[in-house]
N, C-alpha and C. Protein backbone atom coordinates (compact mmCIF):
# COMPACT_ATOMS: atom_id res chain seq x y z
N MET A 1 -80.46 -125.20 98.21
CA MET A 1 -81.53 -124.91 98.76
C MET A 1 -81.37 -124.54 99.72
N LYS A 2 -82.29 -123.81 100.66
CA LYS A 2 -82.03 -123.22 102.18
C LYS A 2 -83.24 -124.24 102.71
N TRP A 3 -83.58 -124.02 104.09
CA TRP A 3 -84.31 -124.43 105.29
C TRP A 3 -85.75 -123.67 104.43
N THR A 4 -86.11 -123.16 104.23
CA THR A 4 -87.24 -122.13 103.61
C THR A 4 -87.70 -123.04 102.09
N ASP A 5 -87.16 -123.73 101.91
CA ASP A 5 -87.45 -124.36 100.09
C ASP A 5 -88.10 -125.96 100.39
N ILE A 6 -89.12 -125.70 101.38
CA ILE A 6 -90.10 -126.71 101.86
C ILE A 6 -90.16 -127.91 100.99
N ASN A 7 -90.96 -127.41 99.67
CA ASN A 7 -91.39 -127.95 98.99
C ASN A 7 -90.36 -128.81 97.48
N ASP A 8 -89.29 -127.96 97.72
CA ASP A 8 -88.01 -128.44 96.73
C ASP A 8 -87.55 -130.00 97.78
N ILE A 9 -87.02 -129.29 99.08
CA ILE A 9 -86.58 -130.11 99.63
C ILE A 9 -87.45 -131.87 100.04
N ALA A 10 -88.95 -131.37 100.15
CA ALA A 10 -89.64 -132.75 100.44
C ALA A 10 -89.41 -133.71 98.82
N ILE A 11 -89.61 -132.68 97.85
CA ILE A 11 -89.23 -133.76 96.45
C ILE A 11 -88.09 -134.25 96.23
N GLU A 12 -87.17 -133.45 96.73
CA GLU A 12 -85.93 -134.27 96.98
C GLU A 12 -85.90 -135.47 97.56
N LEU A 13 -86.25 -135.08 98.84
CA LEU A 13 -86.40 -136.76 99.70
C LEU A 13 -86.85 -137.65 98.92
N TYR A 14 -88.14 -137.62 98.51
CA TYR A 14 -89.26 -138.53 97.92
C TYR A 14 -88.65 -139.21 96.62
N GLU A 15 -87.81 -138.54 96.39
CA GLU A 15 -87.07 -139.29 94.86
C GLU A 15 -85.71 -139.59 95.69
N ALA A 16 -85.13 -139.12 96.84
CA ALA A 16 -83.62 -140.23 97.31
C ALA A 16 -84.32 -141.31 98.30
N HIS A 17 -85.25 -141.15 98.64
CA HIS A 17 -85.89 -142.22 99.60
C HIS A 17 -87.16 -142.91 99.17
N PRO A 18 -87.82 -143.10 97.70
CA PRO A 18 -88.81 -143.45 97.52
C PRO A 18 -89.64 -144.93 98.58
N ASP A 19 -88.52 -145.51 99.03
CA ASP A 19 -89.20 -146.70 99.76
C ASP A 19 -89.86 -146.56 101.65
N ILE A 20 -89.03 -145.03 101.74
CA ILE A 20 -89.26 -144.66 103.34
C ILE A 20 -90.99 -144.01 103.34
N ASP A 21 -91.19 -144.57 104.65
CA ASP A 21 -92.79 -143.89 104.81
C ASP A 21 -92.49 -142.52 105.61
N PRO A 22 -92.65 -141.33 105.16
CA PRO A 22 -92.30 -140.36 105.76
C PRO A 22 -93.16 -140.20 107.23
N THR A 23 -94.01 -140.89 107.41
CA THR A 23 -94.58 -140.50 108.87
C THR A 23 -93.64 -141.54 109.80
N THR A 24 -93.44 -142.03 109.42
CA THR A 24 -92.53 -142.88 110.36
C THR A 24 -90.95 -142.62 110.29
N ILE A 25 -90.41 -141.31 109.83
CA ILE A 25 -89.09 -140.81 109.85
C ILE A 25 -88.83 -139.97 111.91
N ARG A 26 -87.64 -140.19 111.97
CA ARG A 26 -87.74 -139.32 113.47
C ARG A 26 -86.89 -138.00 112.59
N PHE A 27 -87.37 -136.90 113.71
CA PHE A 27 -86.29 -135.68 113.42
C PHE A 27 -84.93 -135.68 113.39
N VAL A 28 -84.64 -136.44 113.79
CA VAL A 28 -82.99 -136.23 113.75
C VAL A 28 -82.82 -137.04 112.20
N GLU A 29 -83.11 -138.39 111.99
CA GLU A 29 -82.56 -138.71 110.79
C GLU A 29 -83.12 -137.63 109.58
N LEU A 30 -84.29 -137.27 109.74
CA LEU A 30 -85.09 -136.16 108.62
C LEU A 30 -84.06 -135.10 108.76
N HIS A 31 -83.53 -134.81 109.35
CA HIS A 31 -82.47 -133.09 109.77
C HIS A 31 -81.48 -133.67 109.17
N ASN A 32 -80.90 -135.02 109.30
CA ASN A 32 -79.76 -135.66 108.69
C ASN A 32 -79.92 -135.57 107.33
N TRP A 33 -80.71 -135.94 106.71
CA TRP A 33 -81.00 -136.50 105.78
C TRP A 33 -81.13 -135.19 104.18
N VAL A 34 -81.78 -133.98 105.31
CA VAL A 34 -82.21 -132.76 104.48
C VAL A 34 -80.41 -132.26 104.33
N VAL A 35 -79.68 -132.23 105.54
CA VAL A 35 -78.52 -131.23 105.22
C VAL A 35 -77.51 -132.15 104.41
N ASP A 36 -78.06 -133.41 104.06
CA ASP A 36 -77.05 -134.46 103.30
C ASP A 36 -77.42 -134.51 101.80
N LEU A 37 -78.66 -133.63 101.37
CA LEU A 37 -79.35 -133.04 100.48
C LEU A 37 -78.28 -132.66 99.09
N PRO A 38 -78.21 -133.05 97.92
CA PRO A 38 -76.91 -132.53 97.04
C PRO A 38 -77.93 -130.81 97.08
N GLY A 39 -77.05 -129.98 96.90
CA GLY A 39 -77.44 -128.52 96.39
C GLY A 39 -77.88 -127.88 97.79
N PHE A 40 -78.15 -128.81 99.18
CA PHE A 40 -78.72 -127.99 100.29
C PHE A 40 -77.27 -126.88 100.89
N ASP A 41 -77.19 -125.66 101.02
CA ASP A 41 -76.68 -125.28 101.79
C ASP A 41 -77.37 -123.65 102.47
N ASP A 42 -77.33 -124.09 103.55
CA ASP A 42 -77.84 -123.30 104.54
C ASP A 42 -77.31 -123.65 106.09
N ASP A 43 -77.39 -123.35 106.72
CA ASP A 43 -76.99 -122.98 108.40
C ASP A 43 -77.75 -124.50 108.86
N HIS A 44 -77.12 -125.37 109.32
CA HIS A 44 -77.50 -126.80 109.89
C HIS A 44 -78.14 -126.64 111.13
N SER A 45 -77.98 -125.23 111.76
CA SER A 45 -78.75 -125.19 113.06
C SER A 45 -79.74 -124.57 112.99
N ARG A 46 -80.44 -123.77 111.91
CA ARG A 46 -81.51 -123.56 111.90
C ARG A 46 -82.74 -124.55 111.24
N GLY A 47 -82.56 -125.80 111.02
CA GLY A 47 -83.58 -126.75 110.85
C GLY A 47 -84.59 -127.41 112.47
N GLY A 48 -84.98 -126.16 112.95
CA GLY A 48 -85.76 -126.77 114.08
C GLY A 48 -87.16 -127.54 113.70
N GLU A 49 -87.78 -127.99 114.94
CA GLU A 49 -88.46 -128.53 115.24
C GLU A 49 -89.80 -127.91 113.83
N LYS A 50 -90.13 -126.90 113.79
CA LYS A 50 -91.09 -126.32 112.87
C LYS A 50 -90.97 -126.63 111.80
N VAL A 51 -89.80 -126.26 111.32
CA VAL A 51 -89.37 -126.30 109.77
C VAL A 51 -89.00 -127.92 109.40
N LEU A 52 -88.68 -128.81 110.47
CA LEU A 52 -88.79 -130.08 110.47
C LEU A 52 -90.07 -130.84 109.94
N GLU A 53 -90.79 -130.23 110.85
CA GLU A 53 -92.37 -130.65 110.85
C GLU A 53 -93.07 -130.44 109.26
N ALA A 54 -92.88 -129.16 109.17
CA ALA A 54 -93.21 -128.87 107.57
C ALA A 54 -92.69 -129.09 106.42
N ILE A 55 -91.41 -129.95 106.65
CA ILE A 55 -91.17 -130.63 105.62
C ILE A 55 -91.39 -131.90 105.41
N GLN A 56 -91.83 -132.50 106.84
CA GLN A 56 -92.43 -134.12 106.63
C GLN A 56 -93.66 -133.95 106.43
N GLN A 57 -94.60 -133.08 106.58
CA GLN A 57 -95.99 -132.44 106.05
C GLN A 57 -95.73 -132.84 104.58
N ALA A 58 -95.06 -132.09 103.47
CA ALA A 58 -94.85 -131.62 102.39
C ALA A 58 -94.32 -133.07 101.83
N TRP A 59 -93.69 -133.80 102.48
CA TRP A 59 -93.39 -135.17 102.10
C TRP A 59 -93.98 -136.27 101.84
N ILE A 60 -94.98 -135.75 102.95
CA ILE A 60 -96.20 -136.86 103.18
C ILE A 60 -96.97 -136.68 101.85
N ASN A 61 -97.56 -135.51 101.62
CA ASN A 61 -98.08 -134.81 100.60
C ASN A 61 -97.39 -135.24 99.39
N GLU A 62 -96.24 -135.24 99.21
CA GLU A 62 -95.54 -135.38 97.41
C GLU A 62 -96.16 -136.98 97.64
N ALA A 63 -95.92 -137.88 98.63
CA ALA A 63 -95.82 -139.33 98.92
C ALA A 63 -97.26 -139.64 98.20
N ASP A 64 -98.38 -138.90 98.41
CA ASP A 64 -99.99 -139.24 97.93
C ASP A 64 -99.86 -139.34 96.77
């Protein structure tokens, strides 16, 4: 997975952390969880605030 795979990342996060409310996650923690996902293979520094916001929103949508 790459940073651009927003929906795939959101699904993986939802499955890995089903008890977490994605609206309460801090971006530092979110970034760490994304780069720790199995199959994630992208430059860690490319996960900026806009990408993390998009991932968070997709995760919120997935959780609903």
